[in-house]
Amino acid sequence: MSTGLIFACGGAILFAMGVAGVILHDHLLRRILAFNLMGSGVFLVLIGLAQRGGAPDPVPQAMVLTGIVVAVAATALALTLTRRLFALTGGYTLPKDGDE
């Protein structure tokens, strides 16, 4: 088993853990963390599979670097919206469909 394949398998496991966290948790901060875990898994898969003939391919590496910047910005926005929700409702869970 090559190193890239180990990284890719680890990334797939992280992605699966993140999906489970997004589906199973109602708490918004935990969902944000699970979503970040999913992103880290995708980044690990891209880097793990970015080997061509033993040399790393620079295009997936550039995509991952760009994705990290976008993920940080999206996380900051999500945390800001979560703080606003807490200020309005006093809780970190979204209201159910019938509750308003």
C-alpha atoms as a PDB file:
ATOM      1  CA  MET A   1       0.000   0.000   0.000  1.00  0.00           C
ATOM      2  CA  SER A   2       1.414   3.355  -1.002  1.00  0.00           C
ATOM      3  CA  THR A   3       1.483   6.436   1.190  1.00  0.00           C
ATOM      4  CA  GLY A   4      -0.944   8.272  -1.079  1.00  0.00           C
ATOM      5  CA  LEU A   5      -3.475   5.464  -0.801  1.00  0.00           C
ATOM      6  CA  ILE A   6      -3.199   5.493   3.001  1.00  0.00           C
ATOM      7  CA  PHE A   7      -3.858   9.248   3.005  1.00  0.00           C
ATOM      8  CA  ALA A   8      -6.807   8.780   0.645  1.00  0.00           C
ATOM      9  CA  CYS A   9      -8.334   6.053   2.839  1.00  0.00           C
ATOM     10  CA  GLY A  10      -7.841   8.209   5.937  1.00  0.00           C
ATOM     11  CA  GLY A  11      -9.524  11.096   4.124  1.00  0.00           C
ATOM     12  CA  ALA A  12     -12.481   8.882   3.190  1.00  0.00           C
ATOM     13  CA  ILE A  13     -12.850   7.862   6.839  1.00  0.00           C
ATOM     14  CA  LEU A  14     -12.735  11.522   7.954  1.00  0.00           C
ATOM     15  CA  PHE A  15     -15.339  12.410   5.337  1.00  0.00           C
ATOM     16  CA  ALA A  16     -17.641   9.608   6.519  1.00  0.00           C
ATOM     17  CA  MET A  17     -17.251  10.742  10.139  1.00  0.00           C
ATOM     18  CA  GLY A  18     -18.122  14.294   9.098  1.00  0.00           C
ATOM     19  CA  VAL A  19     -21.229  13.168   7.208  1.00  0.00           C
ATOM     20  CA  ALA A  20     -22.378  11.223  10.263  1.00  0.00           C
ATOM     21  CA  GLY A  21     -21.807  14.275  12.455  1.00  0.00           C
ATOM     22  CA  VAL A  22     -23.791  16.566  10.156  1.00  0.00           C
ATOM     23  CA  ILE A  23     -26.690  14.118   9.999  1.00  0.00           C
ATOM     24  CA  LEU A  24     -26.827  13.046  13.637  1.00  0.00           C
ATOM     25  CA  HIS A  25     -26.250  16.295  15.576  1.00  0.00           C
ATOM     26  CA  ASP A  26     -28.734  19.130  16.071  1.00  0.00           C
ATOM     27  CA  HIS A  27     -26.249  21.460  17.784  1.00  0.00           C
ATOM     28  CA  LEU A  28     -24.985  23.960  15.207  1.00  0.00           C
ATOM     29  CA  LEU A  29     -21.418  24.227  16.512  1.00  0.00           C
ATOM     30  CA  ARG A  30     -21.047  20.459  16.286  1.00  0.00           C
ATOM     31  CA  ARG A  31     -22.426  20.541  12.764  1.00  0.00           C
ATOM     32  CA  ILE A  32     -19.917  23.214  11.783  1.00  0.00           C
ATOM     33  CA  LEU A  33     -17.095  21.106  13.207  1.00  0.00           C
ATOM     34  CA  ALA A  34     -18.404  18.038  11.373  1.00  0.00           C
ATOM     35  CA  PHE A  35     -18.594  20.024   8.142  1.00  0.00           C
ATOM     36  CA  ASN A  36     -14.965  21.100   8.622  1.00  0.00           C
ATOM     37  CA  LEU A  37     -14.057  17.460   9.226  1.00  0.00           C
ATOM     38  CA  MET A  38     -15.689  16.594   5.902  1.00  0.00           C
ATOM     39  CA  GLY A  39     -13.630  19.271   4.176  1.00  0.00           C
ATOM     40  CA  SER A  40     -10.431  18.002   5.742  1.00  0.00           C
ATOM     41  CA  GLY A  41     -11.277  14.525   4.505  1.00  0.00           C
ATOM     42  CA  VAL A  42     -11.750  15.807   0.960  1.00  0.00           C
ATOM     43  CA  PHE A  43      -8.450  17.680   1.137  1.00  0.00           C
ATOM     44  CA  LEU A  44      -6.675  14.541   2.337  1.00  0.00           C
ATOM     45  CA  VAL A  45      -8.172  12.466  -0.491  1.00  0.00           C
ATOM     46  CA  LEU A  46      -7.089  15.044  -3.072  1.00  0.00           C
ATOM     47  CA  ILE A  47      -3.545  15.179  -1.742  1.00  0.00           C
ATOM     48  CA  GLY A  48      -3.376  11.408  -1.333  1.00  0.00           C
ATOM     49  CA  LEU A  49      -4.425  10.776  -4.924  1.00  0.00           C
ATOM     50  CA  ALA A  50      -2.312  13.583  -6.406  1.00  0.00           C
ATOM     51  CA  GLN A  51       0.657  11.342  -7.248  1.00  0.00           C
ATOM     52  CA  ARG A  52       1.639  10.888 -10.876  1.00  0.00           C
ATOM     53  CA  GLY A  53       4.570   8.620 -11.468  1.00  0.00           C
ATOM     54  CA  GLY A  54       5.961   9.184  -7.982  1.00  0.00           C
ATOM     55  CA  ALA A  55       6.026  12.981  -8.332  1.00  0.00           C
ATOM     56  CA  PRO A  56       3.334  15.123  -6.729  1.00  0.00           C
ATOM     57  CA  ASP A  57       0.947  16.909  -9.091  1.00  0.00           C
ATOM     58  CA  PRO A  58       0.837  20.671  -8.341  1.00  0.00           C
ATOM     59  CA  VAL A  59      -2.750  21.229  -9.560  1.00  0.00           C
ATOM     60  CA  PRO A  60      -4.519  19.295  -6.752  1.00  0.00           C
ATOM     61  CA  GLN A  61      -2.148  20.878  -4.242  1.00  0.00           C
ATOM     62  CA  ALA A  62      -3.147  24.334  -5.473  1.00  0.00           C
ATOM     63  CA  MET A  63      -6.820  23.318  -5.292  1.00  0.00           C
ATOM     64  CA  VAL A  64      -6.370  22.178  -1.699  1.00  0.00           C
ATOM     65  CA  LEU A  65      -4.638  25.433  -0.713  1.00  0.00           C
ATOM     66  CA  THR A  66      -7.478  27.417  -2.290  1.00  0.00           C
ATOM     67  CA  GLY A  67     -10.013  25.158  -0.579  1.00  0.00           C
ATOM     68  CA  ILE A  68      -8.419  25.737   2.807  1.00  0.00           C
ATOM     69  CA  VAL A  69      -8.764  29.506   2.367  1.00  0.00           C
ATOM     70  CA  VAL A  70     -12.402  29.140   1.300  1.00  0.00           C
ATOM     71  CA  ALA A  71     -13.096  26.748   4.202  1.00  0.00           C
ATOM     72  CA  VAL A  72     -11.714  29.234   6.731  1.00  0.00           C
ATOM     73  CA  ALA A  73     -13.882  32.015   5.278  1.00  0.00           C
ATOM     74  CA  ALA A  74     -16.976  29.775   5.236  1.00  0.00           C
ATOM     75  CA  THR A  75     -16.335  28.683   8.825  1.00  0.00           C
ATOM     76  CA  ALA A  76     -16.027  32.304   9.937  1.00  0.00           C
ATOM     77  CA  LEU A  77     -19.331  33.114   8.230  1.00  0.00           C
ATOM     78  CA  ALA A  78     -21.047  30.075   9.769  1.00  0.00           C
ATOM     79  CA  LEU A  79     -19.798  30.956  13.244  1.00  0.00           C
ATOM     80  CA  THR A  80     -20.957  34.553  12.807  1.00  0.00           C
ATOM     81  CA  LEU A  81     -24.420  33.389  11.773  1.00  0.00           C
ATOM     82  CA  THR A  82     -24.485  30.972  14.701  1.00  0.00           C
ATOM     83  CA  ARG A  83     -23.673  33.812  17.127  1.00  0.00           C
ATOM     84  CA  ARG A  84     -26.469  35.861  15.578  1.00  0.00           C
ATOM     85  CA  LEU A  85     -28.893  32.935  15.982  1.00  0.00           C
ATOM     86  CA  PHE A  86     -27.873  32.596  19.619  1.00  0.00           C
ATOM     87  CA  ALA A  87     -28.451  36.308  20.183  1.00  0.00           C
ATOM     88  CA  LEU A  88     -31.929  36.065  18.651  1.00  0.00           C
ATOM     89  CA  THR A  89     -33.155  32.742  20.061  1.00  0.00           C
ATOM     90  CA  GLY A  90     -30.889  31.989  23.014  1.00  0.00           C
ATOM     91  CA  GLY A  91     -29.984  28.541  21.683  1.00  0.00           C
ATOM     92  CA  TYR A  92     -27.718  26.805  19.220  1.00  0.00           C
ATOM     93  CA  THR A  93     -30.330  24.636  17.528  1.00  0.00           C
ATOM     94  CA  LEU A  94     -32.443  25.504  14.533  1.00  0.00           C
ATOM     95  CA  PRO A  95     -36.203  25.583  15.035  1.00  0.00           C
ATOM     96  CA  LYS A  96     -38.127  22.603  13.657  1.00  0.00           C
ATOM     97  CA  ASP A  97     -40.296  23.003  10.553  1.00  0.00           C
ATOM     98  CA  GLY A  98     -43.541  23.707  12.434  1.00  0.00           C
ATOM     99  CA  ASP A  99     -42.005  25.988  15.108  1.00  0.00           C
ATOM    100  CA  GLU A 100     -41.519  29.664  14.371  1.00  0.00           C
END
